[in-house]
PDB file of N, CA and C in Angstrom:
ATOM      1  N   UNK A   1     -26.484   6.941  -8.999  1.00  0.00           N
ATOM      2  CA  UNK A   1     -26.589   7.875  -7.587  1.00  0.00           C
ATOM      3  C   UNK A   1     -27.753   8.742  -7.400  1.00  0.00           C
ATOM      4  N   UNK A   2     -28.456   9.173  -6.575  1.00  0.00           N
ATOM      5  CA  UNK A   2     -28.951  10.172  -6.463  1.00  0.00           C
ATOM      6  C   UNK A   2     -27.807  11.395  -5.700  1.00  0.00           C
ATOM      7  N   UNK A   3     -28.489  12.339  -6.679  1.00  0.00           N
ATOM      8  CA  UNK A   3     -27.505  13.937  -6.586  1.00  0.00           C
ATOM      9  C   UNK A   3     -28.007  15.012  -5.708  1.00  0.00           C
ATOM     10  N   UNK A   4     -28.386  14.308  -4.089  1.00  0.00           N
ATOM     11  CA  UNK A   4     -29.143  15.536  -3.607  1.00  0.00           C
ATOM     12  C   UNK A   4     -28.227  15.294  -1.680  1.00  0.00           C
ATOM     13  N   UNK A   5     -28.625  15.860  -1.152  1.00  0.00           N
ATOM     14  CA  UNK A   5     -28.030  16.091   0.154  1.00  0.00           C
ATOM     15  C   UNK A   5     -29.442  15.941   0.894  1.00  0.00           C
ATOM     16  N   UNK A   6     -29.061  14.724   1.757  1.00  0.00           N
ATOM     17  CA  UNK A   6     -30.311  14.577   2.454  1.00  0.00           C
ATOM     18  C   UNK A   6     -29.491  14.633   4.606  1.00  0.00           C
ATOM     19  N   UNK A   7     -30.592  15.165   4.977  1.00  0.00           N
ATOM     20  CA  UNK A   7     -30.061  15.166   6.881  1.00  0.00           C
ATOM     21  C   UNK A   7     -30.946  14.140   7.607  1.00  0.00           C
ATOM     22  N   UNK A   8     -30.867  13.102   8.170  1.00  0.00           N
ATOM     23  CA  UNK A   8     -31.621  12.598   9.138  1.00  0.00           C
ATOM     24  C   UNK A   8     -31.288  13.455  10.980  1.00  0.00           C
ATOM     25  N   UNK A   9     -32.966  13.865  11.230  1.00  0.00           N
ATOM     26  CA  UNK A   9     -32.295  15.338  12.564  1.00  0.00           C
ATOM     27  C   UNK A   9     -33.439  14.280  13.126  1.00  0.00           C
ATOM     28  N   UNK A  10     -33.472  14.684  14.727  1.00  0.00           N
ATOM     29  CA  UNK A  10     -34.267  14.406  15.800  1.00  0.00           C
ATOM     30  C   UNK A  10     -34.580  16.052  16.219  1.00  0.00           C
ATOM     31  N   UNK A  11     -35.604  16.138  17.227  1.00  0.00           N
ATOM     32  CA  UNK A  11     -35.938  17.296  17.470  1.00  0.00           C
ATOM     33  C   UNK A  11     -34.749  17.888  18.617  1.00  0.00           C
ATOM     34  N   UNK A  12     -34.685  19.195  19.262  1.00  0.00           N
ATOM     35  CA  UNK A  12     -33.745  19.630  20.251  1.00  0.00           C
ATOM     36  C   UNK A  12     -32.471  19.041  20.077  1.00  0.00           C
ATOM     37  N   UNK A  13     -31.796  18.589  18.567  1.00  0.00           N
ATOM     38  CA  UNK A  13     -30.623  17.951  18.447  1.00  0.00           C
ATOM     39  C   UNK A  13     -29.986  19.491  18.051  1.00  0.00           C
ATOM     40  N   UNK A  14     -29.103  20.180  18.816  1.00  0.00           N
ATOM     41  CA  UNK A  14     -28.495  20.995  18.456  1.00  0.00           C
ATOM     42  C   UNK A  14     -27.476  21.149  17.591  1.00  0.00           C
ATOM     43  N   UNK A  15     -26.547  20.261  16.946  1.00  0.00           N
ATOM     44  CA  UNK A  15     -25.905  19.556  15.840  1.00  0.00           C
ATOM     45  C   UNK A  15     -26.503  19.633  15.083  1.00  0.00           C
ATOM     46  N   UNK A  16     -27.893  19.115  15.146  1.00  0.00           N
ATOM     47  CA  UNK A  16     -28.608  18.825  13.311  1.00  0.00           C
ATOM     48  C   UNK A  16     -29.068  20.714  13.220  1.00  0.00           C
ATOM     49  N   UNK A  17     -29.114  21.496  14.477  1.00  0.00           N
ATOM     50  CA  UNK A  17     -29.687  23.049  13.647  1.00  0.00           C
ATOM     51  C   UNK A  17     -28.387  23.686  13.059  1.00  0.00           C
ATOM     52  N   UNK A  18     -27.259  23.370  13.718  1.00  0.00           N
ATOM     53  CA  UNK A  18     -25.656  23.791  13.184  1.00  0.00           C
ATOM     54  C   UNK A  18     -25.682  23.179  11.966  1.00  0.00           C
ATOM     55  N   UNK A  19     -25.595  22.119  11.790  1.00  0.00           N
ATOM     56  CA  UNK A  19     -25.823  21.444  10.202  1.00  0.00           C
ATOM     57  C   UNK A  19     -27.021  22.693   9.420  1.00  0.00           C
ATOM     58  N   UNK A  20     -27.842  22.660  10.405  1.00  0.00           N
ATOM     59  CA  UNK A  20     -28.914  23.230   8.783  1.00  0.00           C
ATOM     60  C   UNK A  20     -28.470  24.483   9.041  1.00  0.00           C
ATOM     61  N   UNK A  21     -27.825  25.307   9.675  1.00  0.00           N
ATOM     62  CA  UNK A  21     -27.550  27.069   9.583  1.00  0.00           C
ATOM     63  C   UNK A  21     -26.222  26.947   8.851  1.00  0.00           C
ATOM     64  N   UNK A  22     -25.232  25.191   8.381  1.00  0.00           N
ATOM     65  CA  UNK A  22     -24.176  25.779   7.581  1.00  0.00           C
ATOM     66  C   UNK A  22     -24.570  25.569   6.229  1.00  0.00           C
ATOM     67  N   UNK A  23     -25.770  24.286   6.107  1.00  0.00           N
ATOM     68  CA  UNK A  23     -26.210  24.392   4.524  1.00  0.00           C
ATOM     69  C   UNK A  23     -26.788  25.880   4.167  1.00  0.00           C
ATOM     70  N   UNK A  24     -28.049  26.337   5.243  1.00  0.00           N
ATOM     71  CA  UNK A  24     -28.576  27.710   4.796  1.00  0.00           C
ATOM     72  C   UNK A  24     -27.520  28.727   4.638  1.00  0.00           C
ATOM     73  N   UNK A  25     -26.473  28.986   5.039  1.00  0.00           N
ATOM     74  CA  UNK A  25     -25.598  30.181   4.862  1.00  0.00           C
ATOM     75  C   UNK A  25     -24.532  29.793   3.860  1.00  0.00           C
ATOM     76  N   UNK A  26     -24.538  28.727   3.575  1.00  0.00           N
ATOM     77  CA  UNK A  26     -23.476  28.519   2.553  1.00  0.00           C
ATOM     78  C   UNK A  26     -25.087  28.327   0.776  1.00  0.00           C
ATOM     79  N   UNK A  27     -25.708  28.393   1.326  1.00  0.00           N
ATOM     80  CA  UNK A  27     -26.380  28.697   0.119  1.00  0.00           C
ATOM     81  C   UNK A  27     -26.912  27.032  -0.731  1.00  0.00           C
ATOM     82  N   UNK A  28     -27.060  25.940   0.433  1.00  0.00           N
ATOM     83  CA  UNK A  28     -26.498  24.529   0.237  1.00  0.00           C
ATOM     84  C   UNK A  28     -27.881  23.862  -0.330  1.00  0.00           C
ATOM     85  N   UNK A  29     -28.340  23.591  -0.930  1.00  0.00           N
ATOM     86  CA  UNK A  29     -30.234  23.184  -1.212  1.00  0.00           C
ATOM     87  C   UNK A  29     -30.148  21.443   0.014  1.00  0.00           C
ATOM     88  N   UNK A  30     -30.866  21.078   0.639  1.00  0.00           N
ATOM     89  CA  UNK A  30     -30.574  19.832   1.378  1.00  0.00           C
ATOM     90  C   UNK A  30     -32.418  19.758   1.625  1.00  0.00           C
ATOM     91  N   UNK A  31     -32.195  18.161   2.109  1.00  0.00           N
ATOM     92  CA  UNK A  31     -33.665  17.918   2.506  1.00  0.00           C
ATOM     93  C   UNK A  31     -33.407  17.585   3.640  1.00  0.00           C
ATOM     94  N   UNK A  32     -34.466  17.752   4.575  1.00  0.00           N
ATOM     95  CA  UNK A  32     -34.113  17.160   6.549  1.00  0.00           C
ATOM     96  C   UNK A  32     -35.750  15.825   6.557  1.00  0.00           C
ATOM     97  N   UNK A  33     -35.087  15.111   6.645  1.00  0.00           N
ATOM     98  CA  UNK A  33     -36.090  13.954   7.828  1.00  0.00           C
ATOM     99  C   UNK A  33     -36.014  13.961   9.107  1.00  0.00           C
ATOM    100  N   UNK A  34     -37.078  14.523   9.510  1.00  0.00           N
ATOM    101  CA  UNK A  34     -37.027  14.108  11.361  1.00  0.00           C
ATOM    102  C   UNK A  34     -37.635  13.109  11.594  1.00  0.00           C
ATOM    103  N   UNK A  35     -36.659  12.109  12.096  1.00  0.00           N
ATOM    104  CA  UNK A  35     -37.149  10.856  12.586  1.00  0.00           C
ATOM    105  C   UNK A  35     -37.445  11.061  14.308  1.00  0.00           C
ATOM    106  N   UNK A  36     -37.949  12.381  15.079  1.00  0.00           N
ATOM    107  CA  UNK A  36     -37.992  12.192  16.294  1.00  0.00           C
ATOM    108  C   UNK A  36     -39.384  11.028  16.600  1.00  0.00           C
ATOM    109  N   UNK A  37     -40.216  10.733  15.555  1.00  0.00           N
ATOM    110  CA  UNK A  37     -41.381  10.278  15.995  1.00  0.00           C
ATOM    111  C   UNK A  37     -41.600   9.079  15.684  1.00  0.00           C
ATOM    112  N   UNK A  38     -40.007   8.571  15.044  1.00  0.00           N
ATOM    113  CA  UNK A  38     -40.309   7.691  14.046  1.00  0.00           C
ATOM    114  C   UNK A  38     -38.801   6.077  14.826  1.00  0.00           C
ATOM    115  N   UNK A  39     -39.381   5.758  15.613  1.00  0.00           N
ATOM    116  CA  UNK A  39     -38.135   4.896  16.250  1.00  0.00           C
ATOM    117  C   UNK A  39     -37.771   3.711  14.938  1.00  0.00           C
ATOM    118  N   UNK A  40     -38.614   3.166  14.366  1.00  0.00           N
ATOM    119  CA  UNK A  40     -38.447   2.332  13.482  1.00  0.00           C
ATOM    120  C   UNK A  40     -37.679   2.581  12.352  1.00  0.00           C
ATOM    121  N   UNK A  41     -38.010   3.766  11.999  1.00  0.00           N
ATOM    122  CA  UNK A  41     -36.454   3.813  10.900  1.00  0.00           C
ATOM    123  C   UNK A  41     -35.767   4.713  11.165  1.00  0.00           C
ATOM    124  N   UNK A  42     -35.290   5.238  12.298  1.00  0.00           N
ATOM    125  CA  UNK A  42     -33.936   5.580  13.063  1.00  0.00           C
ATOM    126  C   UNK A  42     -33.398   4.278  13.313  1.00  0.00           C
ATOM    127  N   UNK A  43     -34.007   3.012  14.154  1.00  0.00           N
ATOM    128  CA  UNK A  43     -33.191   1.764  13.780  1.00  0.00           C
ATOM    129  C   UNK A  43     -32.986   0.959  12.535  1.00  0.00           C
ATOM    130  N   UNK A  44     -33.641   1.852  11.474  1.00  0.00           N
ATOM    131  CA  UNK A  44     -33.381   1.009  10.174  1.00  0.00           C
ATOM    132  C   UNK A  44     -31.957   1.806   9.905  1.00  0.00           C
ATOM    133  N   UNK A  45     -31.827   2.794  10.062  1.00  0.00           N
ATOM    134  CA  UNK A  45     -30.489   4.120   9.658  1.00  0.00           C
ATOM    135  C   UNK A  45     -29.546   3.213  10.294  1.00  0.00           C
ATOM    136  N   UNK A  46     -29.928   3.181  11.896  1.00  0.00           N
ATOM    137  CA  UNK A  46     -28.134   3.261  12.562  1.00  0.00           C
ATOM    138  C   UNK A  46     -28.005   1.787  12.028  1.00  0.00           C
ATOM    139  N   UNK A  47     -29.108   0.850  11.458  1.00  0.00           N
ATOM    140  CA  UNK A  47     -28.688  -0.324  10.911  1.00  0.00           C
ATOM    141  C   UNK A  47     -27.753  -0.542  10.037  1.00  0.00           C
ATOM    142  N   UNK A  48     -28.016   0.862   9.062  1.00  0.00           N
ATOM    143  CA  UNK A  48     -27.334   0.639   8.074  1.00  0.00           C
ATOM    144  C   UNK A  48     -26.087   1.782   8.086  1.00  0.00           C
ATOM    145  N   UNK A  49     -26.172   2.358   8.574  1.00  0.00           N
ATOM    146  CA  UNK A  49     -24.984   3.277   9.010  1.00  0.00           C
ATOM    147  C   UNK A  49     -23.957   2.663   9.562  1.00  0.00           C
ATOM    148  N   UNK A  50     -24.813   2.384  10.887  1.00  0.00           N
ATOM    149  CA  UNK A  50     -23.199   2.030  12.322  1.00  0.00           C
ATOM    150  C   UNK A  50     -23.233   3.102  13.055  1.00  0.00           C
ATOM    151  N   UNK A  51     -24.019   4.357  13.173  1.00  0.00           N
ATOM    152  CA  UNK A  51     -23.973   5.358  14.318  1.00  0.00           C
ATOM    153  C   UNK A  51     -25.465   5.780  14.659  1.00  0.00           C
ATOM    154  N   UNK A  52     -25.088   5.768  16.108  1.00  0.00           N
ATOM    155  CA  UNK A  52     -26.687   5.949  16.567  1.00  0.00           C
ATOM    156  C   UNK A  52     -27.124   7.590  16.770  1.00  0.00           C
ATOM    157  N   UNK A  53     -26.267   8.766  16.947  1.00  0.00           N
ATOM    158  CA  UNK A  53     -26.692  10.321  17.036  1.00  0.00           C
ATOM    159  C   UNK A  53     -26.952  10.265  15.535  1.00  0.00           C
ATOM    160  N   UNK A  54     -27.416  11.653  15.701  1.00  0.00           N
ATOM    161  CA  UNK A  54     -27.927  12.723  14.587  1.00  0.00           C
ATOM    162  C   UNK A  54     -26.941  14.233  14.760  1.00  0.00           C
ATOM    163  N   UNK A  55     -27.038  14.688  13.540  1.00  0.00           N
ATOM    164  CA  UNK A  55     -27.421  14.496  12.285  1.00  0.00           C
ATOM    165  C   UNK A  55     -26.664  13.019  11.724  1.00  0.00           C
ATOM    166  N   UNK A  56     -27.352  12.476  10.605  1.00  0.00           N
ATOM    167  CA  UNK A  56     -26.841  11.461   9.810  1.00  0.00           C
ATOM    168  C   UNK A  56     -26.897  12.153   8.342  1.00  0.00           C
ATOM    169  N   UNK A  57     -25.722  13.019   7.844  1.00  0.00           N
ATOM    170  CA  UNK A  57     -25.455  12.990   6.598  1.00  0.00           C
ATOM    171  C   UNK A  57     -25.418  12.404   5.176  1.00  0.00           C
ATOM    172  N   UNK A  58     -26.602  12.521   4.347  1.00  0.00           N
ATOM    173  CA  UNK A  58     -25.715  11.693   3.295  1.00  0.00           C
ATOM    174  C   UNK A  58     -25.708  12.797   2.034  1.00  0.00           C
ATOM    175  N   UNK A  59     -24.640  12.261   1.184  1.00  0.00           N
ATOM    176  CA  UNK A  59     -23.993  13.429  -0.521  1.00  0.00           C
ATOM    177  C   UNK A  59     -24.713  12.327  -1.141  1.00  0.00           C
ATOM    178  N   UNK A  60     -26.074  12.059  -1.846  1.00  0.00           N
ATOM    179  CA  UNK A  60     -26.141  11.317  -2.891  1.00  0.00           C
ATOM    180  C   UNK A  60     -26.446   9.890  -1.783  1.00  0.00           C
ATOM    181  N   UNK A  61     -25.734   9.453  -2.473  1.00  0.00           N
ATOM    182  CA  UNK A  61     -25.623   7.883  -1.218  1.00  0.00           C
ATOM    183  C   UNK A  61     -25.052   7.560  -0.829  1.00  0.00           C
ATOM    184  N   UNK A  62     -23.830   8.275  -0.233  1.00  0.00           N
ATOM    185  CA  UNK A  62     -22.848   8.745   0.485  1.00  0.00           C
ATOM    186  C   UNK A  62     -22.979   9.008   1.978  1.00  0.00           C
ATOM    187  N   UNK A  63     -22.758   7.843   2.783  1.00  0.00           N
ATOM    188  CA  UNK A  63     -23.159   9.109   3.761  1.00  0.00           C
ATOM    189  C   UNK A  63     -21.891   9.466   4.266  1.00  0.00           C
ATOM    190  N   UNK A  64     -21.543  10.656   5.190  1.00  0.00           N
ATOM    191  CA  UNK A  64     -20.626  11.141   5.282  1.00  0.00           C
ATOM    192  C   UNK A  64     -20.423  11.200   7.287  1.00  0.00           C
ATOM    193  N   UNK A  65     -21.257  11.080   7.986  1.00  0.00           N
ATOM    194  CA  UNK A  65     -21.033  11.242   9.422  1.00  0.00           C
ATOM    195  C   UNK A  65     -22.014  12.125   9.452  1.00  0.00           C
ATOM    196  N   UNK A  66     -22.105  12.840  10.488  1.00  0.00           N
ATOM    197  CA  UNK A  66     -22.503  14.298  11.478  1.00  0.00           C
ATOM    198  C   UNK A  66     -21.795  15.813  11.162  1.00  0.00           C
ATOM    199  N   UNK A  67     -22.291  16.441  11.679  1.00  0.00           N
ATOM    200  CA  UNK A  67     -21.930  17.452  11.962  1.00  0.00           C
ATOM    201  C   UNK A  67     -20.549  17.928  11.947  1.00  0.00           C
ATOM    202  N   UNK A  68     -19.803  17.403  12.681  1.00  0.00           N
ATOM    203  CA  UNK A  68     -18.181  17.344  12.464  1.00  0.00           C
ATOM    204  C   UNK A  68     -17.681  16.933  11.092  1.00  0.00           C
ATOM    205  N   UNK A  69     -18.642  15.814  10.614  1.00  0.00           N
ATOM    206  CA  UNK A  69     -17.813  15.579   9.633  1.00  0.00           C
ATOM    207  C   UNK A  69     -17.685  16.278   8.275  1.00  0.00           C
ATOM    208  N   UNK A  70     -19.265  17.070   8.524  1.00  0.00           N
ATOM    209  CA  UNK A  70     -19.724  17.791   7.361  1.00  0.00           C
ATOM    210  C   UNK A  70     -18.377  19.509   7.663  1.00  0.00           C
ATOM    211  N   UNK A  71     -18.287  19.589   8.763  1.00  0.00           N
ATOM    212  CA  UNK A  71     -16.875  20.233   8.670  1.00  0.00           C
ATOM    213  C   UNK A  71     -15.966  19.976   8.450  1.00  0.00           C
ATOM    214  N   UNK A  72     -15.615  19.207   8.683  1.00  0.00           N
ATOM    215  CA  UNK A  72     -13.949  18.531   8.172  1.00  0.00           C
ATOM    216  C   UNK A  72     -13.964  18.424   6.420  1.00  0.00           C
ATOM    217  N   UNK A  73     -15.016  17.663   6.093  1.00  0.00           N
ATOM    218  CA  UNK A  73     -15.381  17.821   4.435  1.00  0.00           C
ATOM    219  C   UNK A  73     -15.290  19.068   3.827  1.00  0.00           C
ATOM    220  N   UNK A  74     -15.939  20.172   4.109  1.00  0.00           N
ATOM    221  CA  UNK A  74     -15.992  21.381   3.752  1.00  0.00           C
ATOM    222  C   UNK A  74     -14.574  21.910   3.816  1.00  0.00           C
ATOM    223  N   UNK A  75     -14.076  21.719   5.325  1.00  0.00           N
ATOM    224  CA  UNK A  75     -12.604  22.391   5.701  1.00  0.00           C
ATOM    225  C   UNK A  75     -10.920  21.576   4.676  1.00  0.00           C
ATOM    226  N   UNK A  76     -11.676  20.349   4.169  1.00  0.00           N
ATOM    227  CA  UNK A  76     -10.665  19.944   3.620  1.00  0.00           C
ATOM    228  C   UNK A  76     -10.679  19.891   1.699  1.00  0.00           C
ATOM    229  N   UNK A  77     -11.702  20.849   1.778  1.00  0.00           N
ATOM    230  CA  UNK A  77     -12.186  20.888   0.218  1.00  0.00           C
ATOM    231  C   UNK A  77     -13.193  19.930  -0.029  1.00  0.00           C
ATOM    232  N   UNK A  78     -13.688  18.363   0.189  1.00  0.00           N
ATOM    233  CA  UNK A  78     -14.662  17.666  -0.640  1.00  0.00           C
ATOM    234  C   UNK A  78     -15.465  17.829  -0.265  1.00  0.00           C
ATOM    235  N   UNK A  79     -16.243  18.697   0.242  1.00  0.00           N
ATOM    236  CA  UNK A  79     -17.932  18.669   0.138  1.00  0.00           C
ATOM    237  C   UNK A  79     -17.700  20.004  -1.496  1.00  0.00           C
ATOM    238  N   UNK A  80     -16.880  21.073  -1.506  1.00  0.00           N
ATOM    239  CA  UNK A  80     -16.837  21.739  -3.116  1.00  0.00           C
ATOM    240  C   UNK A  80     -16.899  20.931  -3.939  1.00  0.00           C
ATOM    241  N   UNK A  81     -15.813  19.801  -3.556  1.00  0.00           N
ATOM    242  CA  UNK A  81     -15.793  18.921  -4.824  1.00  0.00           C
ATOM    243  C   UNK A  81     -16.567  18.346  -5.169  1.00  0.00           C
ATOM    244  N   UNK A  82     -17.357  17.842  -4.040  1.00  0.00           N
ATOM    245  CA  UNK A  82     -18.848  16.689  -4.552  1.00  0.00           C
ATOM    246  C   UNK A  82     -19.471  17.944  -5.400  1.00  0.00           C
ATOM    247  N   UNK A  83     -19.816  18.687  -4.918  1.00  0.00           N
ATOM    248  CA  UNK A  83     -21.055  20.059  -5.232  1.00  0.00           C
ATOM    249  C   UNK A  83     -20.381  20.147  -6.658  1.00  0.00           C
ATOM    250  N   UNK A  84     -19.261  20.341  -6.713  1.00  0.00           N
ATOM    251  CA  UNK A  84     -18.726  21.097  -8.379  1.00  0.00           C
ATOM    252  C   UNK A  84     -19.314  19.603  -9.170  1.00  0.00           C
ATOM    253  N   UNK A  85     -18.523  18.329  -9.174  1.00  0.00           N
ATOM    254  CA  UNK A  85     -19.075  17.060  -9.612  1.00  0.00           C
ATOM    255  C   UNK A  85     -20.926  16.711 -10.278  1.00  0.00           C
ATOM    256  N   UNK A  86     -21.388  17.161  -8.809  1.00  0.00           N
ATOM    257  CA  UNK A  86     -22.771  17.113  -9.169  1.00  0.00           C
ATOM    258  C   UNK A  86     -23.783  17.295 -10.171  1.00  0.00           C
TER     259      UNK A  86
END
């Protein structure tokens, strides 16, 4: 399992921008993959996760969902637990 955070985004996505601000404000390193110009990559991601919206956030190989799920994970301590274990 890789130990990084990857966020798949599209341009003009307010939830993507909110997630980026969250990670930056908490000084959590993350990688952004912009799928705005890649319908094939987006289709493959949708096929993998079953989610059609962005952002799509992965902690290592684990798909956690989008911005709302990120905040919920943070609020219940799950993100801090994951960061401590990595």
